[in-house]
Amino acid sequence: MHNKITSAAEAVAIVQTGDAICTSGFVGIGVPDALLVALERRFVDTGEPRDLTLLFAAGQGDGKERGLNALGHEGLLKRAIGGHWGLIPKVGRLALEGQIEAYNLPQGVISHMYRDVAAGKPGTVSRVGIGTFVDPRVEGGKINSRTKEDIVRVIEIDGQDWLFYRGFPLQVAFLRGTTADPNGNVTAEREALDLDNLAMAMAVKNSGGIVIVQVERIARAGSLHPRQAIIPGVLVDCVVVGEPETMRVKLGRELTRTVRPHIFESKAEA
């Protein structure tokens, strides 16, 4: 569709049972809270979708309620693969209690995995993790006894051991930017970090999936400078304007900045 702006509820209705979903964010930066809360609300109200696979690199939450904690419901997730679990105690509880399959892989490896899935590669090859709990000769990154499948294996290249982290298709991406136009072009001028947004969008689109981006405000079509677009509209399927409380930017332990969505009217403002 030409105009990609929709509500959070309509956007998350795309997510289907069994989908693999990836989400952006680093602590309180760049987390698409409006989308996560909308998905949680849909699950609580309808019991759908179920058995999702969640892939995330950095920790996305506040150690209490925000971020990926919205997904900490039994039945919503089947498997979670993450690089930092310390800020998502509600999902962590599911893992520690054996209610979901759970892996802890290196954060940087997951960032590279997005690029490799986007490139159509079968996975990511790295020496990061050799000899640690991620090494399949130790624990393979598995968090609990329910987690059986080996997604990391040792391979030999020129007489040296490497770890192969198996990639997989991603059906949905929840991302966040600052400004979008009706065509789905997204900028990030008020975000603290660009994160893996572009790589994640490319990975999902190259898997035949759906990219949903939460933003603060909408600009007129043609008003955004093309060099400021961190995600081009061709990679974006849905744009959702987040409520102010879902667009907080964590600046420090106690300080946050809350932004207000509005419409840009001039090219200079954009």
Protein backbone atom coordinates (compact mmCIF):
# COMPACT_ATOMS: atom_id res chain seq x y z
CA MET A 1 0.00 0.00 0.00
CA HIS A 2 1.13 3.57 -0.70
CA ASN A 3 0.23 5.07 2.69
CA LYS A 4 1.86 2.80 5.25
CA ILE A 5 0.69 4.61 8.39
CA THR A 6 -1.50 2.45 10.61
CA SER A 7 -2.38 1.83 14.25
CA ALA A 8 -0.34 -0.36 16.55
CA ALA A 9 -3.22 -2.83 16.91
CA GLU A 10 -3.59 -3.17 13.13
CA ALA A 11 0.16 -3.57 12.68
CA VAL A 12 0.63 -6.34 15.26
CA ALA A 13 -2.38 -8.21 13.83
CA ILE A 14 0.06 -9.26 11.10
CA VAL A 15 2.06 -11.41 13.56
CA GLN A 16 1.07 -15.06 13.26
CA THR A 17 1.49 -18.03 15.58
CA GLY A 18 4.95 -19.57 15.17
CA ASP A 19 6.55 -16.49 13.63
CA ALA A 20 10.17 -15.52 14.34
CA ILE A 21 10.31 -11.88 15.44
CA CYS A 22 13.28 -9.58 16.02
CA THR A 23 13.17 -6.32 17.94
CA SER A 24 15.39 -3.24 18.12
CA GLY A 25 16.68 -1.48 21.21
CA PHE A 26 19.56 -1.01 23.62
CA VAL A 27 18.46 -0.71 27.28
CA GLY A 28 15.91 2.15 26.98
CA ILE A 29 17.11 3.45 23.62
CA GLY A 30 15.26 2.66 20.42
CA VAL A 31 12.80 0.19 21.95
CA PRO A 32 9.45 0.00 20.07
CA ASP A 33 7.37 -0.10 23.25
CA ALA A 34 4.10 0.77 21.50
CA LEU A 35 4.40 -2.31 19.30
CA LEU A 36 5.45 -4.61 22.14
CA VAL A 37 2.57 -3.45 24.34
CA ALA A 38 0.10 -3.82 21.46
CA LEU A 39 1.30 -7.39 20.86
CA GLU A 40 0.99 -8.13 24.58
CA ARG A 41 -2.54 -6.71 24.63
CA ARG A 42 -3.55 -8.80 21.64
CA PHE A 43 -2.23 -11.98 23.28
CA VAL A 44 -3.91 -11.25 26.63
CA ASP A 45 -7.24 -10.47 24.93
CA THR A 46 -7.30 -13.25 22.33
CA GLY A 47 -4.64 -15.83 23.20
CA GLU A 48 -2.97 -15.17 19.85
CA PRO A 49 -0.34 -15.28 18.51
CA ARG A 50 1.44 -18.12 20.29
CA ASP A 51 4.78 -19.91 20.20
CA LEU A 52 6.82 -17.02 18.80
CA THR A 53 10.60 -17.16 18.42
CA LEU A 54 12.21 -13.95 19.71
CA LEU A 55 15.66 -12.79 18.55
CA PHE A 56 17.28 -9.76 20.19
CA ALA A 57 20.84 -8.52 20.53
CA ALA A 58 21.14 -5.95 23.31
CA GLY A 59 19.10 -5.82 26.51
CA GLN A 60 15.78 -4.09 25.85
CA GLY A 61 14.04 -3.06 29.04
CA ASP A 62 14.27 -1.38 32.43
CA GLY A 63 14.65 -4.44 34.63
CA LYS A 64 10.96 -4.19 35.56
CA GLU A 65 8.07 -3.69 33.14
CA ARG A 66 9.19 -1.95 29.96
CA GLY A 67 10.64 -3.26 26.72
CA LEU A 68 10.66 -7.00 26.11
CA ASN A 69 9.10 -7.58 29.53
CA ALA A 70 5.79 -7.08 27.72
CA LEU A 71 6.36 -10.47 26.09
CA GLY A 72 6.84 -12.32 29.37
CA HIS A 73 3.62 -14.33 29.16
CA GLU A 74 3.44 -18.11 29.15
CA GLY A 75 2.41 -19.30 25.71
CA LEU A 76 3.30 -16.15 23.81
CA LEU A 77 6.94 -17.21 23.34
CA LYS A 78 8.23 -20.64 22.46
CA ARG A 79 11.91 -19.73 22.09
CA ALA A 80 14.07 -16.70 22.92
CA ILE A 81 17.60 -16.08 21.65
CA GLY A 82 19.26 -13.03 23.16
CA GLY A 83 22.55 -11.34 23.84
CA HIS A 84 21.65 -9.69 27.17
CA TRP A 85 18.96 -10.98 29.54
CA GLY A 86 19.58 -8.80 32.59
CA LEU A 87 16.92 -6.18 31.84
CA ILE A 88 14.03 -8.51 31.01
CA PRO A 89 13.18 -10.40 34.21
CA LYS A 90 9.71 -11.40 32.99
CA VAL A 91 11.11 -13.22 29.97
CA GLY A 92 14.05 -14.39 32.07
CA ARG A 93 11.65 -16.03 34.51
CA LEU A 94 10.10 -18.05 31.68
CA ALA A 95 13.59 -19.21 30.72
CA LEU A 96 14.74 -20.07 34.23
CA GLU A 97 11.51 -21.95 34.96
CA GLY A 98 11.85 -23.95 31.75
CA GLN A 99 8.66 -22.61 30.19
CA ILE A 100 10.43 -21.59 26.97
CA GLU A 101 13.49 -22.69 25.03
CA ALA A 102 16.20 -20.11 25.70
CA TYR A 103 19.70 -19.28 24.46
CA ASN A 104 22.24 -16.65 25.48
CA LEU A 105 24.53 -15.89 22.53
CA PRO A 106 27.12 -13.11 22.15
CA GLN A 107 25.47 -9.77 21.45
CA GLY A 108 27.86 -8.92 18.62
CA VAL A 109 27.32 -12.27 16.96
CA ILE A 110 23.57 -11.62 16.85
CA SER A 111 24.21 -8.21 15.26
CA HIS A 112 26.31 -9.92 12.59
CA MET A 113 23.63 -12.59 12.20
CA TYR A 114 21.14 -9.95 11.03
CA ARG A 115 23.57 -8.97 8.27
CA ASP A 116 24.20 -12.58 7.31
CA VAL A 117 20.50 -13.44 7.15
CA ALA A 118 20.03 -10.31 5.01
CA ALA A 119 22.79 -11.58 2.71
CA GLY A 120 21.17 -15.00 2.38
CA LYS A 121 23.96 -16.78 4.23
CA PRO A 122 23.22 -19.90 6.29
CA GLY A 123 24.62 -18.39 9.47
CA THR A 124 27.49 -16.53 11.11
CA VAL A 125 31.03 -17.84 11.52
CA SER A 126 33.06 -16.41 14.40
CA ARG A 127 35.71 -17.31 16.96
CA VAL A 128 33.80 -15.31 19.57
CA GLY A 129 32.56 -17.77 22.18
CA ILE A 130 35.24 -20.43 21.74
CA GLY A 131 35.83 -22.12 25.10
CA THR A 132 32.95 -20.30 26.84
CA PHE A 133 29.46 -21.50 27.78
CA VAL A 134 28.43 -20.65 24.19
CA ASP A 135 30.76 -23.33 22.83
CA PRO A 136 28.68 -26.47 22.13
CA ARG A 137 31.42 -28.51 23.79
CA VAL A 138 30.43 -26.69 26.99
CA GLU A 139 26.75 -25.65 27.01
CA GLY A 140 26.04 -24.28 23.54
CA GLY A 141 24.47 -21.14 25.00
CA LYS A 142 21.51 -23.11 26.36
CA ILE A 143 19.90 -21.61 29.44
CA ASN A 144 17.75 -24.52 30.63
CA SER A 145 17.20 -28.26 30.24
CA ARG A 146 14.18 -27.74 27.98
CA THR A 147 16.48 -26.27 25.33
CA LYS A 148 17.69 -29.26 23.31
CA GLU A 149 18.47 -28.07 19.79
CA ASP A 150 22.08 -27.20 18.95
CA ILE A 151 22.12 -23.87 17.12
CA VAL A 152 25.88 -23.47 17.53
CA ARG A 153 28.41 -25.96 16.23
CA VAL A 154 32.18 -26.20 15.89
CA ILE A 155 33.67 -26.14 12.40
CA GLU A 156 37.29 -26.32 11.32
CA ILE A 157 38.80 -23.84 8.86
CA ASP A 158 42.47 -24.21 7.93
CA GLY A 159 43.15 -26.26 11.02
CA GLN A 160 41.53 -23.78 13.43
CA ASP A 161 38.26 -24.19 15.34
CA TRP A 162 35.48 -21.70 14.64
CA LEU A 163 31.89 -21.49 15.85
CA PHE A 164 29.06 -21.56 13.33
CA TYR A 165 25.91 -19.83 14.58
CA ARG A 166 23.03 -21.07 12.46
CA GLY A 167 20.79 -18.42 10.96
CA PHE A 168 17.06 -18.73 10.30
CA PRO A 169 14.33 -16.76 8.49
CA LEU A 170 12.72 -13.85 10.34
CA GLN A 171 9.06 -13.13 9.68
CA VAL A 172 8.60 -9.85 11.60
CA ALA A 173 10.74 -6.91 12.74
CA PHE A 174 9.67 -4.36 15.36
CA LEU A 175 11.89 -1.29 14.88
CA ARG A 176 11.92 2.35 16.01
CA GLY A 177 12.86 5.66 14.44
CA THR A 178 11.98 9.32 14.84
CA THR A 179 10.20 10.50 11.69
CA ALA A 180 8.50 8.67 8.84
CA ASP A 181 6.67 9.75 5.72
CA PRO A 182 3.59 7.98 4.30
CA ASN A 183 5.87 5.94 2.00
CA GLY A 184 7.67 4.41 4.98
CA ASN A 185 11.00 6.23 4.77
CA VAL A 186 12.32 6.51 8.34
CA THR A 187 14.84 8.89 9.92
CA ALA A 188 16.35 8.80 13.43
CA GLU A 189 17.40 12.38 14.19
CA ARG A 190 16.06 12.27 17.76
CA GLU A 191 17.23 8.75 18.55
CA ALA A 192 20.46 8.23 20.48
CA LEU A 193 21.58 5.26 18.35
CA ASP A 194 20.87 3.84 14.90
CA LEU A 195 21.41 0.29 16.23
CA ASP A 196 20.82 -2.64 13.84
CA ASN A 197 17.68 -1.18 12.28
CA LEU A 198 18.76 -1.33 8.64
CA ALA A 199 20.30 -4.82 8.92
CA MET A 200 17.21 -6.13 10.70
CA ALA A 201 14.88 -4.66 8.10
CA MET A 202 16.94 -6.18 5.29
CA ALA A 203 17.06 -9.57 7.04
CA VAL A 204 13.29 -9.67 7.47
CA LYS A 205 12.48 -8.48 3.95
CA ASN A 206 14.95 -10.96 2.47
CA SER A 207 13.15 -13.64 4.49
CA GLY A 208 9.83 -12.59 2.94
CA GLY A 209 8.68 -11.00 6.20
CA ILE A 210 7.04 -7.81 7.46
CA VAL A 211 8.84 -4.72 8.85
CA ILE A 212 6.92 -2.52 11.31
CA VAL A 213 8.45 0.74 12.53
CA GLN A 214 7.33 2.86 15.48
CA VAL A 215 8.05 6.58 15.11
CA GLU A 216 7.46 9.82 16.95
CA ARG A 217 6.01 11.86 14.09
CA ILE A 218 4.92 11.90 10.46
CA ALA A 219 6.35 14.10 7.72
CA ARG A 220 4.80 15.06 4.40
CA ALA A 221 5.71 12.78 1.51
CA GLY A 222 8.86 14.03 -0.19
CA SER A 223 9.93 16.26 2.71
CA LEU A 224 12.58 13.99 4.26
CA HIS A 225 16.19 14.35 3.15
CA PRO A 226 17.12 11.00 1.54
CA ARG A 227 20.52 10.90 3.23
CA GLN A 228 18.85 11.06 6.65
CA ALA A 229 16.71 7.99 6.05
CA ILE A 230 18.22 5.12 8.03
CA ILE A 231 15.55 2.75 6.68
CA PRO A 232 14.26 3.31 3.13
CA GLY A 233 10.55 2.96 2.56
CA VAL A 234 10.99 -0.01 0.24
CA LEU A 235 11.92 -2.07 3.33
CA VAL A 236 9.03 -0.85 5.51
CA ASP A 237 5.52 -2.29 5.50
CA CYS A 238 3.82 -0.46 8.39
CA VAL A 239 4.47 2.78 10.30
CA VAL A 240 2.97 3.38 13.76
CA VAL A 241 3.05 6.69 15.62
CA GLY A 242 3.80 5.93 19.26
CA GLU A 243 2.15 7.66 22.18
CA PRO A 244 4.51 9.96 24.15
CA GLU A 245 5.00 7.45 26.97
CA THR A 246 6.22 4.86 24.44
CA MET A 247 8.79 7.23 22.91
CA ARG A 248 10.93 7.78 25.98
CA VAL A 249 14.67 7.98 25.49
CA LYS A 250 16.69 6.76 28.47
CA LEU A 251 19.51 9.23 29.07
CA GLY A 252 20.73 8.03 32.44
CA ARG A 253 19.76 6.05 35.51
CA GLU A 254 16.95 8.43 36.49
CA LEU A 255 16.67 10.89 33.60
CA THR A 256 14.44 10.25 30.60
CA ARG A 257 13.29 12.43 27.73
CA THR A 258 9.69 12.09 26.61
CA VAL A 259 8.88 13.32 23.12
CA ARG A 260 5.56 14.29 21.59
CA PRO A 261 4.42 13.15 18.15
CA HIS A 262 3.37 15.74 15.60
CA ILE A 263 3.23 16.41 11.89
CA PHE A 264 6.14 18.07 10.08
CA GLU A 265 5.07 20.64 7.52
CA SER A 266 8.32 21.98 6.15
CA LYS A 267 11.37 20.42 4.58
CA ALA A 268 13.65 22.54 6.76
CA GLU A 269 12.13 21.09 9.95
CA ALA A 270 12.60 17.55 8.69
